[in-house]
Amino acid sequence: ESEIAQLRIRTLAANQEVTQLRGRNAELKSENDRLRRRGQAEGNHDVLPVVMTATVDLSCIDSGVIAQISSFLGTARELLNLALTC
């Protein structure tokens, strides 16, 4: 019965979280609608593109991975071509 009680407690907590998230979702939808109406009232504006960049920390790569890539490529020329594409 202890396990059932724990499951009921977790279910209750999950249901409370769902209720909170639904409320937050409704708030955000309302804010989006308000911002859309305000934007339409101000006139038609061009949408600016969103540019996302990703940075990869190569210091975390294991040297074994580099060895596997090197052995797969085979020649220094292929490795150079790969380096030039990065």
N, C-alpha and C. Protein backbone atom coordinates (compact mmCIF):
# COMPACT_ATOMS: atom_id res chain seq x y z
N GLU A 1 0.82 -1.21 0.00
CA GLU A 1 0.00 0.00 0.00
C GLU A 1 0.86 1.26 0.00
N SER A 2 2.03 1.15 0.55
CA SER A 2 2.92 2.30 0.59
C SER A 2 3.26 2.75 -0.84
N GLU A 3 3.49 1.79 -1.71
CA GLU A 3 3.82 2.12 -3.10
C GLU A 3 2.64 2.81 -3.79
N ILE A 4 1.43 2.33 -3.51
CA ILE A 4 0.23 2.94 -4.09
C ILE A 4 0.07 4.37 -3.57
N ALA A 5 0.32 4.56 -2.28
CA ALA A 5 0.22 5.90 -1.70
C ALA A 5 1.23 6.84 -2.34
N GLN A 6 2.44 6.34 -2.57
CA GLN A 6 3.47 7.17 -3.20
C GLN A 6 3.07 7.53 -4.63
N LEU A 7 2.50 6.56 -5.35
CA LEU A 7 2.04 6.83 -6.71
C LEU A 7 0.92 7.86 -6.72
N ARG A 8 0.03 7.79 -5.76
CA ARG A 8 -1.05 8.77 -5.68
C ARG A 8 -0.51 10.16 -5.39
N ILE A 9 0.49 10.24 -4.51
CA ILE A 9 1.10 11.53 -4.19
C ILE A 9 1.78 12.11 -5.42
N ARG A 10 2.52 11.26 -6.16
CA ARG A 10 3.19 11.74 -7.38
C ARG A 10 2.19 12.15 -8.44
N THR A 11 1.09 11.40 -8.54
CA THR A 11 0.05 11.74 -9.51
C THR A 11 -0.58 13.08 -9.16
N LEU A 12 -0.86 13.29 -7.88
CA LEU A 12 -1.43 14.56 -7.43
C LEU A 12 -0.48 15.72 -7.74
N ALA A 13 0.80 15.52 -7.47
CA ALA A 13 1.81 16.56 -7.76
C ALA A 13 1.88 16.83 -9.25
N ALA A 14 1.84 15.78 -10.06
CA ALA A 14 1.90 15.95 -11.51
C ALA A 14 0.67 16.69 -12.01
N ASN A 15 -0.49 16.35 -11.46
CA ASN A 15 -1.73 17.05 -11.86
C ASN A 15 -1.68 18.52 -11.49
N GLN A 16 -1.12 18.83 -10.33
CA GLN A 16 -0.98 20.23 -9.92
C GLN A 16 -0.04 20.98 -10.85
N GLU A 17 1.04 20.31 -11.25
CA GLU A 17 1.99 20.94 -12.18
C GLU A 17 1.34 21.17 -13.54
N VAL A 18 0.55 20.20 -14.00
CA VAL A 18 -0.15 20.35 -15.28
C VAL A 18 -1.10 21.55 -15.21
N THR A 19 -1.81 21.68 -14.10
CA THR A 19 -2.73 22.81 -13.92
C THR A 19 -1.97 24.13 -13.96
N GLN A 20 -0.83 24.20 -13.28
CA GLN A 20 -0.02 25.42 -13.30
C GLN A 20 0.48 25.73 -14.70
N LEU A 21 0.94 24.70 -15.41
CA LEU A 21 1.46 24.91 -16.76
C LEU A 21 0.36 25.34 -17.73
N ARG A 22 -0.83 24.79 -17.55
CA ARG A 22 -1.95 25.22 -18.40
C ARG A 22 -2.27 26.69 -18.15
N GLY A 23 -2.23 27.09 -16.88
CA GLY A 23 -2.46 28.50 -16.56
C GLY A 23 -1.40 29.39 -17.17
N ARG A 24 -0.14 28.99 -17.06
CA ARG A 24 0.96 29.77 -17.65
C ARG A 24 0.83 29.82 -19.17
N ASN A 25 0.42 28.70 -19.77
CA ASN A 25 0.22 28.65 -21.22
C ASN A 25 -0.87 29.63 -21.64
N ALA A 26 -1.96 29.68 -20.87
CA ALA A 26 -3.04 30.63 -21.17
C ALA A 26 -2.55 32.07 -21.05
N GLU A 27 -1.73 32.35 -20.03
CA GLU A 27 -1.16 33.70 -19.87
C GLU A 27 -0.32 34.08 -21.08
N LEU A 28 0.52 33.14 -21.53
CA LEU A 28 1.41 33.42 -22.67
C LEU A 28 0.62 33.60 -23.96
N LYS A 29 -0.43 32.80 -24.14
CA LYS A 29 -1.27 32.97 -25.33
C LYS A 29 -1.93 34.34 -25.33
N SER A 30 -2.40 34.75 -24.16
CA SER A 30 -3.02 36.06 -24.04
C SER A 30 -2.02 37.17 -24.35
N GLU A 31 -0.81 37.02 -23.83
CA GLU A 31 0.23 38.02 -24.11
C GLU A 31 0.58 38.04 -25.59
N ASN A 32 0.68 36.88 -26.22
CA ASN A 32 0.96 36.82 -27.66
C ASN A 32 -0.14 37.53 -28.46
N ASP A 33 -1.40 37.27 -28.09
CA ASP A 33 -2.50 37.93 -28.78
C ASP A 33 -2.42 39.45 -28.62
N ARG A 34 -2.11 39.89 -27.40
CA ARG A 34 -2.00 41.33 -27.14
C ARG A 34 -0.88 41.94 -27.98
N LEU A 35 0.27 41.26 -28.03
CA LEU A 35 1.40 41.78 -28.81
C LEU A 35 1.09 41.77 -30.30
N ARG A 36 0.37 40.76 -30.77
CA ARG A 36 -0.02 40.72 -32.18
C ARG A 36 -0.93 41.89 -32.53
N ARG A 37 -1.92 42.13 -31.66
CA ARG A 37 -2.85 43.24 -31.92
C ARG A 37 -2.10 44.57 -31.91
N ARG A 38 -1.16 44.72 -30.98
CA ARG A 38 -0.39 45.96 -30.91
C ARG A 38 0.46 46.11 -32.16
N GLY A 39 1.06 45.01 -32.63
CA GLY A 39 1.87 45.06 -33.84
C GLY A 39 1.06 45.40 -35.06
N GLN A 40 -0.16 44.88 -35.13
CA GLN A 40 -1.02 45.18 -36.27
C GLN A 40 -1.46 46.64 -36.25
N ALA A 41 -1.67 47.18 -35.05
CA ALA A 41 -2.07 48.57 -34.94
C ALA A 41 -0.95 49.51 -35.35
N GLU A 42 0.29 49.09 -35.16
CA GLU A 42 1.44 49.94 -35.50
C GLU A 42 1.79 49.89 -36.98
N GLY A 43 1.20 48.98 -37.70
CA GLY A 43 1.47 48.87 -39.12
C GLY A 43 2.19 47.59 -39.45
N ASN A 44 2.38 47.37 -40.71
CA ASN A 44 3.02 46.15 -41.19
C ASN A 44 4.53 46.34 -41.21
N HIS A 45 5.24 45.50 -40.50
CA HIS A 45 6.70 45.59 -40.45
C HIS A 45 7.31 44.32 -41.01
N ASP A 46 8.48 44.48 -41.60
CA ASP A 46 9.19 43.31 -42.09
C ASP A 46 9.69 42.49 -40.91
N VAL A 47 9.69 41.19 -41.09
CA VAL A 47 10.17 40.30 -40.04
C VAL A 47 11.67 40.14 -40.22
N LEU A 48 12.40 40.36 -39.15
CA LEU A 48 13.85 40.21 -39.20
C LEU A 48 14.23 38.75 -39.08
N PRO A 49 15.23 38.32 -39.82
CA PRO A 49 15.64 36.91 -39.71
C PRO A 49 16.30 36.63 -38.36
N VAL A 50 16.13 35.43 -37.90
CA VAL A 50 16.75 34.99 -36.65
C VAL A 50 17.99 34.20 -37.01
N VAL A 51 19.11 34.61 -36.48
CA VAL A 51 20.37 33.93 -36.77
C VAL A 51 20.82 33.22 -35.50
N MET A 52 21.01 31.93 -35.62
CA MET A 52 21.47 31.15 -34.47
C MET A 52 22.84 30.58 -34.80
N THR A 53 23.72 30.66 -33.83
CA THR A 53 25.05 30.09 -34.02
C THR A 53 25.29 29.03 -32.96
N ALA A 54 26.09 28.08 -33.31
CA ALA A 54 26.44 27.02 -32.37
C ALA A 54 27.95 27.01 -32.19
N THR A 55 28.38 26.85 -30.97
CA THR A 55 29.80 26.77 -30.66
C THR A 55 30.09 25.39 -30.08
N VAL A 56 31.10 24.76 -30.60
CA VAL A 56 31.47 23.43 -30.13
C VAL A 56 32.83 23.51 -29.47
N ASP A 57 32.92 23.00 -28.26
CA ASP A 57 34.19 22.96 -27.53
C ASP A 57 34.93 21.69 -27.91
N LEU A 58 35.91 21.81 -28.80
CA LEU A 58 36.63 20.64 -29.29
C LEU A 58 37.61 20.07 -28.27
N SER A 59 37.86 20.80 -27.19
CA SER A 59 38.77 20.29 -26.17
C SER A 59 38.17 19.09 -25.43
N CYS A 60 36.88 18.91 -25.54
CA CYS A 60 36.21 17.80 -24.86
C CYS A 60 36.28 16.50 -25.66
N ILE A 61 36.73 16.56 -26.90
CA ILE A 61 36.75 15.37 -27.76
C ILE A 61 37.90 14.46 -27.34
N ASP A 62 37.58 13.21 -27.20
CA ASP A 62 38.56 12.19 -26.82
C ASP A 62 39.52 11.97 -27.98
N SER A 63 40.78 11.76 -27.69
CA SER A 63 41.78 11.56 -28.75
C SER A 63 41.49 10.29 -29.53
N GLY A 64 40.80 9.33 -28.91
CA GLY A 64 40.43 8.10 -29.62
C GLY A 64 39.49 8.37 -30.78
N VAL A 65 38.62 9.35 -30.61
CA VAL A 65 37.69 9.71 -31.68
C VAL A 65 38.48 10.28 -32.86
N ILE A 66 39.45 11.12 -32.56
CA ILE A 66 40.29 11.69 -33.62
C ILE A 66 41.03 10.58 -34.35
N ALA A 67 41.53 9.61 -33.62
CA ALA A 67 42.25 8.50 -34.24
C ALA A 67 41.31 7.71 -35.14
N GLN A 68 40.09 7.48 -34.72
CA GLN A 68 39.14 6.74 -35.55
C GLN A 68 38.80 7.51 -36.82
N ILE A 69 38.62 8.82 -36.68
CA ILE A 69 38.32 9.63 -37.87
C ILE A 69 39.51 9.60 -38.83
N SER A 70 40.70 9.74 -38.27
CA SER A 70 41.90 9.72 -39.12
C SER A 70 42.06 8.39 -39.83
N SER A 71 41.82 7.29 -39.14
CA SER A 71 41.99 5.98 -39.78
C SER A 71 40.91 5.75 -40.84
N PHE A 72 39.74 6.33 -40.61
CA PHE A 72 38.67 6.18 -41.59
C PHE A 72 38.99 6.95 -42.86
N LEU A 73 39.56 8.14 -42.71
CA LEU A 73 39.86 8.96 -43.88
C LEU A 73 41.04 8.43 -44.66
N GLY A 74 41.98 7.88 -43.96
CA GLY A 74 43.09 7.22 -44.65
C GLY A 74 44.23 8.11 -45.04
N THR A 75 44.03 9.10 -45.89
CA THR A 75 45.15 9.89 -46.38
C THR A 75 45.14 11.29 -45.79
N ALA A 76 46.32 11.89 -45.81
CA ALA A 76 46.46 13.25 -45.28
C ALA A 76 45.62 14.23 -46.11
N ARG A 77 45.50 13.95 -47.40
CA ARG A 77 44.73 14.84 -48.29
C ARG A 77 43.25 14.83 -47.89
N GLU A 78 42.72 13.65 -47.60
CA GLU A 78 41.32 13.57 -47.18
C GLU A 78 41.11 14.27 -45.84
N LEU A 79 42.09 14.12 -44.95
CA LEU A 79 42.01 14.80 -43.66
C LEU A 79 42.08 16.31 -43.84
N LEU A 80 42.92 16.77 -44.75
CA LEU A 80 43.01 18.20 -45.06
C LEU A 80 41.67 18.70 -45.62
N ASN A 81 41.10 17.94 -46.53
CA ASN A 81 39.81 18.34 -47.10
C ASN A 81 38.74 18.44 -46.03
N LEU A 82 38.74 17.50 -45.07
CA LEU A 82 37.78 17.56 -43.98
C LEU A 82 38.01 18.80 -43.13
N ALA A 83 39.27 19.10 -42.84
CA ALA A 83 39.60 20.27 -42.03
C ALA A 83 39.15 21.55 -42.74
N LEU A 84 39.29 21.60 -44.05
CA LEU A 84 38.91 22.79 -44.80
C LEU A 84 37.41 22.99 -44.84
N THR A 85 36.64 21.94 -44.63
CA THR A 85 35.18 22.08 -44.64
C THR A 85 34.65 22.58 -43.30
N CYS A 86 35.47 22.54 -42.25
CA CYS A 86 35.00 22.95 -40.93
C CYS A 86 35.12 24.44 -40.74
